[in-house]
């Protein structure tokens, strides 16, 4: 796991992942995962991706790392 990708589990049962300057907040709402992006200014917006319901809590970190790395690669100039 990259040093830039650090997970924290919060007492509320939600999870926070730090990827560089981007924070991803994830929590279970019923049987679904809900992801929110939080900017450096503290403002939150719904994530533009979804996390499949079958992903277990201990798989969130690797799943998000892979997802965000693939997205970053797609944005690189050819």
Protein backbone atom coordinates (compact mmCIF):
# COMPACT_ATOMS: atom_id res chain seq x y z
CA UNK A 1 0.00 0.00 0.00
CA UNK A 2 1.37 3.39 -0.94
CA UNK A 3 2.36 5.83 1.80
CA UNK A 4 0.01 8.28 0.10
CA UNK A 5 -2.96 6.00 0.72
CA UNK A 6 -3.73 5.85 4.44
CA UNK A 7 -7.03 4.54 5.84
CA UNK A 8 -8.61 5.57 9.13
CA UNK A 9 -11.59 3.89 10.72
CA UNK A 10 -13.80 6.28 12.56
CA UNK A 11 -15.81 5.47 15.67
CA UNK A 12 -19.04 6.00 13.72
CA UNK A 13 -18.27 2.96 11.56
CA UNK A 14 -17.29 5.07 8.60
CA UNK A 15 -13.87 5.04 6.96
CA UNK A 16 -11.64 7.83 5.72
CA UNK A 17 -8.94 7.30 3.10
CA UNK A 18 -6.28 9.86 2.31
CA UNK A 19 -4.84 9.74 -1.19
CA UNK A 20 -2.41 12.62 -1.58
CA UNK A 21 -4.55 15.71 -0.95
CA UNK A 22 -7.83 13.91 -1.75
CA UNK A 23 -9.90 12.45 1.08
CA UNK A 24 -12.53 9.79 0.44
CA UNK A 25 -15.08 9.23 3.20
CA UNK A 26 -16.96 5.92 3.03
CA UNK A 27 -19.75 4.59 5.18
CA UNK A 28 -22.23 1.76 5.04
CA UNK A 29 -25.83 2.95 4.60
CA UNK A 30 -28.10 -0.04 4.89
CA UNK A 31 -26.59 -2.64 2.58
CA UNK A 32 -24.81 -0.10 0.33
CA UNK A 33 -21.56 1.81 0.51
CA UNK A 34 -21.76 5.58 0.23
CA UNK A 35 -18.61 7.50 -0.79
CA UNK A 36 -18.03 11.23 -0.44
CA UNK A 37 -15.05 13.29 -1.61
CA UNK A 38 -13.77 15.93 0.79
CA UNK A 39 -11.63 18.77 -0.47
CA UNK A 40 -8.86 20.58 1.41
CA UNK A 41 -11.37 23.29 2.28
CA UNK A 42 -13.57 20.73 4.08
CA UNK A 43 -16.38 20.86 1.54
CA UNK A 44 -17.88 17.51 0.62
CA UNK A 45 -19.42 16.27 -2.59
CA UNK A 46 -20.76 12.86 -3.61
CA UNK A 47 -18.10 10.68 -5.21
CA UNK A 48 -18.41 10.14 -8.94
CA UNK A 49 -17.88 6.40 -8.52
CA UNK A 50 -19.67 3.64 -6.68
CA UNK A 51 -18.43 0.84 -4.48
CA UNK A 52 -20.08 -2.54 -5.08
CA UNK A 53 -22.16 -3.80 -2.15
CA UNK A 54 -20.22 -7.08 -1.97
CA UNK A 55 -16.94 -5.32 -1.07
CA UNK A 56 -16.16 -6.09 2.58
CA UNK A 57 -14.94 -3.36 4.93
CA UNK A 58 -11.42 -4.80 5.02
CA UNK A 59 -11.34 -4.73 1.19
CA UNK A 60 -12.19 -1.01 0.92
CA UNK A 61 -8.57 0.17 0.98
CA UNK A 62 -7.28 -2.08 -1.80
CA UNK A 63 -10.44 -1.50 -3.88
CA UNK A 64 -10.18 2.30 -3.66
CA UNK A 65 -6.43 2.28 -4.27
CA UNK A 66 -6.88 0.27 -7.46
CA UNK A 67 -9.85 2.35 -8.61
CA UNK A 68 -8.12 5.68 -8.06
CA UNK A 69 -4.85 4.50 -9.64
CA UNK A 70 -6.72 3.33 -12.75
CA UNK A 71 -8.52 6.65 -12.97
CA UNK A 72 -5.24 8.56 -12.65
CA UNK A 73 -3.68 6.46 -15.44
CA UNK A 74 -6.66 7.21 -17.70
CA UNK A 75 -6.02 10.96 -17.26
CA UNK A 76 -2.32 10.74 -18.20
CA UNK A 77 -1.51 12.08 -21.66
CA UNK A 78 -0.66 9.39 -24.22
